[in-house]
């Protein structure tokens, strides 16, 4: 079999997005982004700092975005992000998440190169992300899940927690 040419039947990723969903619509989204190959990269204090700073700076880059809960785990992050459809030039959820991942990765690479912190040859992020549109009735439950995730992780270290 010749793998040198693109074959759309072989290289087709199935989308996890809801068909017909407007991902620029005003909504709250529960997001999980994992580290590449479930590495515990986010235990590195310098990288945790970058992840937090990048999170806090998102509304400056995207004025239609509001931040809610946020937690950094050893191999993934969880957060709730609000998109405000009433504003002009609304970014899609994917563009906000893509910017977050890109900005954090570039800042981390620059920090490594500048300070010779560690040698890290691979990627930081796993491809894609998991998203869930939060209904108002489940908002507080989702917030509690995020806040309590570090405690659950200590109780069950064999598997990453999923909601």
N, C-alpha and C. Protein backbone atom coordinates (compact mmCIF):
# COMPACT_ATOMS: atom_id res chain seq x y z
N UNK A 1 0.85 -1.18 0.00
CA UNK A 1 0.00 0.00 0.00
C UNK A 1 0.89 1.24 0.00
N UNK A 2 0.60 2.16 -0.88
CA UNK A 2 1.38 3.39 -1.01
C UNK A 2 0.83 4.46 -0.05
N UNK A 3 1.59 4.77 1.01
CA UNK A 3 1.17 5.76 2.00
C UNK A 3 1.72 7.14 1.72
N UNK A 4 2.44 7.31 0.63
CA UNK A 4 3.04 8.61 0.34
C UNK A 4 2.02 9.63 -0.17
N UNK A 5 0.88 9.17 -0.65
CA UNK A 5 -0.14 10.07 -1.14
C UNK A 5 -1.30 10.14 -0.16
N UNK A 6 -1.89 11.30 -0.07
CA UNK A 6 -3.04 11.50 0.82
C UNK A 6 -4.22 10.67 0.37
N UNK A 7 -4.77 9.92 1.26
CA UNK A 7 -5.94 9.10 0.99
C UNK A 7 -7.04 9.53 1.95
N UNK A 8 -8.09 10.24 1.46
CA UNK A 8 -9.11 10.76 2.37
C UNK A 8 -9.88 9.67 3.10
N UNK A 9 -9.93 8.46 2.56
CA UNK A 9 -10.62 7.37 3.25
C UNK A 9 -9.79 6.83 4.42
N UNK A 10 -8.49 6.93 4.31
CA UNK A 10 -7.61 6.41 5.36
C UNK A 10 -7.35 7.46 6.44
N UNK A 11 -7.23 8.71 6.05
CA UNK A 11 -6.87 9.77 6.98
C UNK A 11 -8.08 10.66 7.28
N UNK A 12 -9.11 10.08 7.78
CA UNK A 12 -10.32 10.85 8.08
C UNK A 12 -10.56 10.81 9.58
N UNK A 13 -10.44 11.99 10.21
CA UNK A 13 -10.72 12.09 11.64
C UNK A 13 -12.20 12.35 11.82
N UNK A 14 -12.78 11.66 12.77
CA UNK A 14 -14.18 11.87 13.07
C UNK A 14 -14.30 13.05 14.03
N UNK A 15 -15.14 13.99 13.70
CA UNK A 15 -15.34 15.17 14.53
C UNK A 15 -16.15 14.82 15.76
N UNK A 16 -15.76 15.40 16.91
CA UNK A 16 -16.55 15.22 18.12
C UNK A 16 -17.52 16.39 18.31
N UNK A 17 -17.53 17.32 17.40
CA UNK A 17 -18.40 18.49 17.47
C UNK A 17 -19.84 18.11 17.14
N UNK A 18 -20.77 18.82 17.75
CA UNK A 18 -22.18 18.57 17.50
C UNK A 18 -22.56 19.12 16.14
N UNK A 19 -23.17 18.30 15.29
CA UNK A 19 -23.57 18.80 13.98
C UNK A 19 -24.60 19.92 14.12
N UNK A 20 -24.42 20.98 13.39
CA UNK A 20 -25.35 22.08 13.41
C UNK A 20 -25.18 23.04 14.58
N UNK A 21 -24.25 22.76 15.48
CA UNK A 21 -24.03 23.62 16.64
C UNK A 21 -23.21 24.84 16.22
N UNK A 22 -23.67 26.03 16.61
CA UNK A 22 -22.92 27.25 16.35
C UNK A 22 -21.95 27.46 17.52
N UNK A 23 -20.70 27.17 17.31
CA UNK A 23 -19.71 27.26 18.38
C UNK A 23 -19.25 28.69 18.64
N UNK A 24 -19.93 29.65 18.07
CA UNK A 24 -19.73 31.05 18.43
C UNK A 24 -20.93 31.56 19.24
N UNK A 25 -21.90 30.68 19.48
CA UNK A 25 -23.12 31.08 20.20
C UNK A 25 -22.82 31.33 21.67
N UNK A 26 -23.59 32.24 22.27
CA UNK A 26 -23.43 32.55 23.69
C UNK A 26 -23.73 31.30 24.49
N UNK A 27 -22.73 30.81 25.17
CA UNK A 27 -22.85 29.58 25.95
C UNK A 27 -21.67 29.46 26.88
N UNK A 28 -21.85 28.57 27.86
CA UNK A 28 -20.75 28.17 28.72
C UNK A 28 -20.28 26.81 28.22
N UNK A 29 -18.97 26.63 28.18
CA UNK A 29 -18.40 25.39 27.71
C UNK A 29 -17.44 24.83 28.76
N UNK A 30 -17.58 23.55 29.04
CA UNK A 30 -16.65 22.83 29.90
C UNK A 30 -15.60 22.21 28.99
N UNK A 31 -14.35 22.58 29.20
CA UNK A 31 -13.27 22.16 28.32
C UNK A 31 -12.24 21.34 29.09
N UNK A 32 -11.75 20.29 28.45
CA UNK A 32 -10.63 19.51 28.97
C UNK A 32 -9.58 19.47 27.86
N UNK A 33 -8.36 19.85 28.22
CA UNK A 33 -7.24 19.76 27.28
C UNK A 33 -6.17 18.90 27.96
N UNK A 34 -5.69 17.91 27.26
CA UNK A 34 -4.71 16.98 27.83
C UNK A 34 -3.30 17.26 27.32
N UNK A 35 -2.35 16.87 28.14
CA UNK A 35 -0.96 16.95 27.71
C UNK A 35 -0.70 15.83 26.70
N UNK A 36 0.31 16.01 25.89
CA UNK A 36 0.67 15.01 24.90
C UNK A 36 1.05 13.71 25.60
N UNK A 37 0.43 12.64 25.19
CA UNK A 37 0.68 11.29 25.72
C UNK A 37 0.52 11.21 27.24
N UNK A 38 -0.36 12.01 27.79
CA UNK A 38 -0.69 12.00 29.22
C UNK A 38 0.54 12.20 30.12
N UNK A 39 1.53 12.92 29.60
CA UNK A 39 2.71 13.21 30.41
C UNK A 39 2.34 14.18 31.53
N UNK A 40 3.00 14.08 32.65
CA UNK A 40 2.70 14.95 33.79
C UNK A 40 3.51 16.25 33.70
N UNK A 41 3.44 16.86 32.54
CA UNK A 41 4.18 18.10 32.27
C UNK A 41 3.72 19.26 33.12
N UNK A 42 2.44 19.27 33.46
CA UNK A 42 1.88 20.44 34.12
C UNK A 42 2.25 20.50 35.60
N UNK A 43 3.07 19.56 36.06
CA UNK A 43 3.63 19.63 37.41
C UNK A 43 4.85 20.55 37.45
N UNK A 44 5.38 20.91 36.29
CA UNK A 44 6.54 21.79 36.21
C UNK A 44 6.08 23.21 36.57
N UNK A 45 6.60 23.79 37.65
CA UNK A 45 6.09 25.10 38.11
C UNK A 45 6.12 26.19 37.05
N UNK A 46 7.17 26.25 36.25
CA UNK A 46 7.27 27.29 35.23
C UNK A 46 6.18 27.14 34.17
N UNK A 47 5.87 25.90 33.80
CA UNK A 47 4.81 25.67 32.82
C UNK A 47 3.44 25.97 33.43
N UNK A 48 3.22 25.59 34.67
CA UNK A 48 1.96 25.91 35.35
C UNK A 48 1.73 27.42 35.36
N UNK A 49 2.79 28.17 35.61
CA UNK A 49 2.69 29.63 35.62
C UNK A 49 2.26 30.16 34.25
N UNK A 50 2.85 29.61 33.21
CA UNK A 50 2.50 30.02 31.84
C UNK A 50 1.04 29.67 31.54
N UNK A 51 0.61 28.49 31.92
CA UNK A 51 -0.77 28.08 31.67
C UNK A 51 -1.75 29.02 32.36
N UNK A 52 -1.45 29.39 33.60
CA UNK A 52 -2.32 30.30 34.35
C UNK A 52 -2.32 31.70 33.75
N UNK A 53 -1.14 32.21 33.40
CA UNK A 53 -1.05 33.55 32.81
C UNK A 53 -1.77 33.61 31.47
N UNK A 54 -1.63 32.56 30.68
CA UNK A 54 -2.29 32.52 29.37
C UNK A 54 -3.81 32.50 29.55
N UNK A 55 -4.28 31.74 30.52
CA UNK A 55 -5.71 31.71 30.84
C UNK A 55 -6.22 33.10 31.22
N UNK A 56 -5.50 33.75 32.13
CA UNK A 56 -5.93 35.06 32.60
C UNK A 56 -5.93 36.12 31.49
N UNK A 57 -5.09 35.94 30.48
CA UNK A 57 -4.98 36.92 29.40
C UNK A 57 -5.98 36.70 28.26
N UNK A 58 -6.71 35.60 28.27
CA UNK A 58 -7.64 35.33 27.16
C UNK A 58 -8.66 36.45 26.91
N UNK A 59 -9.27 37.04 27.95
CA UNK A 59 -10.25 38.11 27.67
C UNK A 59 -9.64 39.35 27.02
N UNK A 60 -8.35 39.58 27.21
CA UNK A 60 -7.70 40.71 26.53
C UNK A 60 -7.61 40.43 25.04
N UNK A 61 -7.32 39.20 24.69
CA UNK A 61 -7.21 38.81 23.28
C UNK A 61 -8.59 38.65 22.64
N UNK A 62 -9.52 38.11 23.42
CA UNK A 62 -10.89 37.86 22.93
C UNK A 62 -11.86 38.54 23.89
N UNK A 63 -12.24 39.80 23.66
CA UNK A 63 -13.13 40.52 24.57
C UNK A 63 -14.50 39.85 24.77
N UNK A 64 -14.91 39.01 23.86
CA UNK A 64 -16.21 38.35 24.00
C UNK A 64 -16.14 37.09 24.86
N UNK A 65 -14.97 36.80 25.40
CA UNK A 65 -14.77 35.61 26.23
C UNK A 65 -14.77 36.01 27.70
N UNK A 66 -15.49 35.24 28.51
CA UNK A 66 -15.47 35.41 29.97
C UNK A 66 -14.94 34.13 30.59
N UNK A 67 -14.13 34.28 31.62
CA UNK A 67 -13.52 33.13 32.29
C UNK A 67 -14.35 32.74 33.50
N UNK A 68 -14.37 31.46 33.78
CA UNK A 68 -15.06 30.93 34.94
C UNK A 68 -14.05 30.07 35.71
N UNK A 69 -14.37 28.86 36.03
CA UNK A 69 -13.47 27.98 36.78
C UNK A 69 -12.29 27.54 35.92
N UNK A 70 -11.18 27.23 36.60
CA UNK A 70 -9.96 26.79 35.91
C UNK A 70 -9.14 25.97 36.88
N UNK A 71 -8.65 24.82 36.45
CA UNK A 71 -7.78 24.00 37.29
C UNK A 71 -6.72 23.34 36.42
N UNK A 72 -5.51 23.31 36.93
CA UNK A 72 -4.41 22.64 36.25
C UNK A 72 -4.11 21.35 37.00
N UNK A 73 -4.22 20.24 36.31
CA UNK A 73 -3.90 18.93 36.85
C UNK A 73 -2.54 18.51 36.28
N UNK A 74 -1.94 17.45 36.78
CA UNK A 74 -0.61 17.06 36.27
C UNK A 74 -0.56 16.79 34.77
N UNK A 75 -1.64 16.24 34.19
CA UNK A 75 -1.60 15.88 32.77
C UNK A 75 -2.76 16.45 31.96
N UNK A 76 -3.56 17.32 32.56
CA UNK A 76 -4.66 17.94 31.82
C UNK A 76 -5.13 19.19 32.55
N UNK A 77 -5.90 19.99 31.84
CA UNK A 77 -6.53 21.15 32.47
C UNK A 77 -8.03 21.09 32.19
N UNK A 78 -8.79 21.62 33.13
CA UNK A 78 -10.23 21.76 32.98
C UNK A 78 -10.56 23.23 33.15
N UNK A 79 -11.52 23.70 32.39
CA UNK A 79 -12.02 25.05 32.63
C UNK A 79 -13.40 25.24 32.05
N UNK A 80 -14.04 26.30 32.53
CA UNK A 80 -15.31 26.73 31.98
C UNK A 80 -15.07 28.08 31.32
N UNK A 81 -15.49 28.17 30.09
CA UNK A 81 -15.30 29.37 29.28
C UNK A 81 -16.67 29.80 28.76
N UNK A 82 -16.93 31.10 28.82
CA UNK A 82 -18.18 31.66 28.30
C UNK A 82 -17.88 32.44 27.01
N UNK A 83 -18.69 32.21 25.99
CA UNK A 83 -18.64 33.02 24.78
C UNK A 83 -19.87 33.91 24.76
N UNK A 84 -19.66 35.21 24.53
CA UNK A 84 -20.75 36.18 24.54
C UNK A 84 -21.10 36.55 23.10
N UNK A 85 -22.19 36.00 22.63
CA UNK A 85 -22.61 36.19 21.25
C UNK A 85 -23.06 37.62 20.94
N UNK A 86 -23.34 38.41 21.97
CA UNK A 86 -23.84 39.77 21.75
C UNK A 86 -22.76 40.72 21.21
N UNK A 87 -21.52 40.32 21.26
CA UNK A 87 -20.43 41.18 20.82
C UNK A 87 -20.13 40.98 19.34
N UNK A 88 -19.39 41.92 18.77
CA UNK A 88 -18.98 41.84 17.37
C UNK A 88 -17.76 40.93 17.23
N UNK A 89 -17.57 40.40 16.03
CA UNK A 89 -16.40 39.58 15.71
C UNK A 89 -16.18 38.47 16.73
N UNK A 90 -17.17 37.66 16.91
CA UNK A 90 -17.12 36.58 17.88
C UNK A 90 -16.19 35.48 17.37
N UNK A 91 -15.22 35.09 18.18
CA UNK A 91 -14.39 33.95 17.79
C UNK A 91 -15.16 32.66 18.05
N UNK A 92 -14.82 31.62 17.33
CA UNK A 92 -15.42 30.33 17.61
C UNK A 92 -14.71 29.72 18.82
N UNK A 93 -15.33 28.74 19.41
CA UNK A 93 -14.72 28.04 20.53
C UNK A 93 -13.37 27.45 20.12
N UNK A 94 -13.33 26.85 18.94
CA UNK A 94 -12.10 26.25 18.45
C UNK A 94 -10.97 27.25 18.29
N UNK A 95 -11.29 28.46 17.84
CA UNK A 95 -10.23 29.47 17.68
C UNK A 95 -9.71 29.95 19.03
N UNK A 96 -10.57 30.02 20.04
CA UNK A 96 -10.13 30.42 21.38
C UNK A 96 -9.23 29.34 21.98
N UNK A 97 -9.66 28.09 21.89
CA UNK A 97 -8.86 26.99 22.43
C UNK A 97 -7.54 26.87 21.67
N UNK A 98 -7.60 26.99 20.35
CA UNK A 98 -6.38 26.93 19.55
C UNK A 98 -5.41 28.02 19.93
N UNK A 99 -5.91 29.23 20.14
CA UNK A 99 -5.04 30.34 20.55
C UNK A 99 -4.44 30.07 21.92
N UNK A 100 -5.25 29.58 22.86
CA UNK A 100 -4.74 29.27 24.20
C UNK A 100 -3.59 28.27 24.12
N UNK A 101 -3.81 27.19 23.40
CA UNK A 101 -2.79 26.15 23.30
C UNK A 101 -1.53 26.68 22.62
N UNK A 102 -1.71 27.45 21.56
CA UNK A 102 -0.58 27.98 20.82
C UNK A 102 0.23 28.99 21.64
N UNK A 103 -0.45 29.93 22.27
CA UNK A 103 0.23 30.96 23.07
C UNK A 103 1.00 30.32 24.22
N UNK A 104 0.37 29.37 24.90
CA UNK A 104 1.04 28.70 26.02
C UNK A 104 2.25 27.90 25.54
N UNK A 105 2.11 27.19 24.43
CA UNK A 105 3.21 26.38 23.91
C UNK A 105 4.39 27.26 23.48
N UNK A 106 4.11 28.35 22.79
CA UNK A 106 5.19 29.25 22.35
C UNK A 106 5.88 29.88 23.56
N UNK A 107 5.11 30.31 24.55
CA UNK A 107 5.71 30.89 25.76
C UNK A 107 6.58 29.87 26.48
N UNK A 108 6.14 28.62 26.53
CA UNK A 108 6.91 27.57 27.19
C UNK A 108 8.22 27.29 26.44
N UNK A 109 8.15 27.20 25.13
CA UNK A 109 9.35 26.97 24.32
C UNK A 109 10.34 28.12 24.51
N UNK A 110 9.85 29.35 24.51
CA UNK A 110 10.73 30.50 24.73
C UNK A 110 11.36 30.47 26.12
N UNK A 111 10.58 30.09 27.12
CA UNK A 111 11.11 30.01 28.49
C UNK A 111 12.19 28.94 28.56
N UNK A 112 11.99 27.80 27.93
CA UNK A 112 12.98 26.72 27.92
C UNK A 112 14.26 27.21 27.25
N UNK A 113 14.11 27.81 26.07
CA UNK A 113 15.28 28.28 25.32
C UNK A 113 16.03 29.38 26.05
N UNK A 114 15.32 30.30 26.67
CA UNK A 114 15.94 31.43 27.35
C UNK A 114 16.66 31.00 28.62
N UNK A 115 16.03 30.12 29.39
CA UNK A 115 16.57 29.77 30.70
C UNK A 115 17.23 28.40 30.77
N UNK A 116 17.28 27.69 29.66
CA UNK A 116 17.84 26.34 29.64
C UNK A 116 17.28 25.49 30.78
N UNK A 117 15.96 25.54 30.94
CA UNK A 117 15.32 24.83 32.06
C UNK A 117 15.48 23.32 31.96
N UNK A 118 14.96 22.76 30.90
CA UNK A 118 15.04 21.32 30.69
C UNK A 118 15.09 21.07 29.19
N UNK A 119 15.45 19.89 28.83
CA UNK A 119 15.37 19.50 27.43
C UNK A 119 14.02 18.82 27.23
N UNK A 120 13.19 19.39 26.40
CA UNK A 120 11.90 18.79 26.12
C UNK A 120 11.70 18.75 24.61
N UNK A 121 11.90 17.59 24.01
CA UNK A 121 11.86 17.51 22.55
C UNK A 121 10.47 17.42 21.93
N UNK A 122 9.46 17.05 22.70
CA UNK A 122 8.15 16.77 22.12
C UNK A 122 7.16 17.89 22.21
N UNK A 123 5.92 17.53 22.00
CA UNK A 123 4.83 18.48 22.05
C UNK A 123 4.29 18.59 23.47
N UNK A 124 3.62 19.68 23.74
CA UNK A 124 3.00 19.88 25.05
C UNK A 124 1.59 19.30 25.05
N UNK A 125 0.84 19.57 23.99
CA UNK A 125 -0.59 19.27 23.97
C UNK A 125 -0.93 18.04 23.16
N UNK A 126 -1.94 17.31 23.62
CA UNK A 126 -2.56 16.29 22.81
C UNK A 126 -3.39 17.00 21.74
N UNK A 127 -3.55 16.39 20.60
CA UNK A 127 -4.33 17.00 19.53
C UNK A 127 -5.79 17.18 19.99
N UNK A 128 -6.37 18.30 19.64
CA UNK A 128 -7.77 18.55 19.92
C UNK A 128 -8.04 18.88 21.38
N UNK A 129 -9.28 18.74 21.75
CA UNK A 129 -9.73 19.00 23.12
C UNK A 129 -11.11 18.38 23.26
N UNK A 130 -11.55 18.24 24.50
CA UNK A 130 -12.90 17.75 24.74
C UNK A 130 -13.74 18.93 25.22
N UNK A 131 -14.93 19.06 24.66
CA UNK A 131 -15.80 20.16 25.06
C UNK A 131 -17.19 19.63 25.34
N UNK A 132 -17.86 20.32 26.26
CA UNK A 132 -19.23 19.99 26.61
C UNK A 132 -19.98 21.31 26.80
N UNK A 133 -21.09 21.48 26.10
CA UNK A 133 -21.92 22.66 26.28
C UNK A 133 -22.63 22.50 27.63
N UNK A 134 -22.46 23.49 28.50
CA UNK A 134 -23.03 23.41 29.84
C UNK A 134 -24.41 24.03 29.86
N UNK A 135 -25.36 23.26 30.31
CA UNK A 135 -26.71 23.79 30.54
C UNK A 135 -26.68 24.52 31.88
N UNK A 136 -27.47 25.55 32.01
CA UNK A 136 -27.49 26.35 33.25
C UNK A 136 -27.76 25.46 34.46
N UNK A 137 -28.62 24.47 34.32
CA UNK A 137 -28.95 23.58 35.44
C UNK A 137 -27.74 22.77 35.92
N UNK A 138 -26.74 22.56 35.07
CA UNK A 138 -25.57 21.77 35.47
C UNK A 138 -24.33 22.62 35.70
N UNK A 139 -24.47 23.93 35.64
CA UNK A 139 -23.31 24.82 35.78
C UNK A 139 -22.63 24.67 37.13
N UNK A 140 -23.38 24.73 38.21
CA UNK A 140 -22.76 24.66 39.54
C UNK A 140 -22.14 23.28 39.78
N UNK A 141 -22.76 22.24 39.29
CA UNK A 141 -22.20 20.89 39.42
C UNK A 141 -20.86 20.80 38.67
N UNK A 142 -20.79 21.41 37.51
CA UNK A 142 -19.55 21.40 36.72
C UNK A 142 -18.46 22.20 37.43
N UNK A 143 -18.82 23.33 38.00
CA UNK A 143 -17.86 24.12 38.78
C UNK A 143 -17.30 23.31 39.95
N UNK A 144 -18.18 22.63 40.65
CA UNK A 144 -17.74 21.80 41.79
C UNK A 144 -16.84 20.68 41.33
N UNK A 145 -17.17 20.07 40.20
CA UNK A 145 -16.32 19.01 39.65
C UNK A 145 -14.90 19.54 39.41
N UNK A 146 -14.79 20.70 38.81
CA UNK A 146 -13.48 21.28 38.53
C UNK A 146 -12.74 21.59 39.82
N UNK A 147 -13.42 22.22 40.77
CA UNK A 147 -12.78 22.56 42.05
C UNK A 147 -12.30 21.32 42.80
N UNK A 148 -13.08 20.25 42.75
CA UNK A 148 -12.76 19.04 43.50
C UNK A 148 -11.88 18.06 42.75
N UNK A 149 -11.55 18.35 41.51
CA UNK A 149 -10.77 17.42 40.69
C UNK A 149 -9.41 17.07 41.31
N UNK A 150 -8.67 18.01 41.90
CA UNK A 150 -7.40 17.62 42.51
C UNK A 150 -7.56 16.60 43.64
N UNK A 151 -8.61 16.72 44.42
CA UNK A 151 -8.86 15.78 45.51
C UNK A 151 -9.19 14.40 44.95
N UNK A 152 -10.02 14.35 43.92
CA UNK A 152 -10.36 13.07 43.29
C UNK A 152 -9.13 12.42 42.70
N UNK A 153 -8.25 13.22 42.14
CA UNK A 153 -7.04 12.70 41.52
C UNK A 153 -6.15 12.01 42.55
N UNK A 154 -6.05 12.60 43.73
CA UNK A 154 -5.24 12.00 44.80
C UNK A 154 -5.83 10.69 45.27
N UNK A 155 -7.17 10.60 45.27
CA UNK A 155 -7.83 9.38 45.71
C UNK A 155 -7.72 8.25 44.68
N UNK A 156 -7.63 8.61 43.40
CA UNK A 156 -7.60 7.61 42.33
C UNK A 156 -6.52 8.00 41.32
N UNK A 157 -5.30 7.60 41.58
CA UNK A 157 -4.19 8.02 40.72
C UNK A 157 -3.98 7.14 39.52
N UNK A 158 -4.78 6.07 39.36
CA UNK A 158 -4.55 5.17 38.24
C UNK A 158 -5.12 5.68 36.93
N UNK A 159 -6.20 6.41 36.96
CA UNK A 159 -6.84 6.90 35.75
C UNK A 159 -7.15 8.38 35.85
N UNK A 160 -7.00 9.13 34.75
CA UNK A 160 -7.43 10.54 34.76
C UNK A 160 -8.93 10.60 34.98
N UNK A 161 -9.37 11.63 35.68
CA UNK A 161 -10.79 11.81 35.96
C UNK A 161 -11.49 12.42 34.77
N UNK A 162 -12.67 11.92 34.48
CA UNK A 162 -13.53 12.50 33.46
C UNK A 162 -14.88 12.74 34.07
N UNK A 163 -15.52 13.75 33.62
CA UNK A 163 -16.86 14.07 34.12
C UNK A 163 -17.87 13.24 33.40
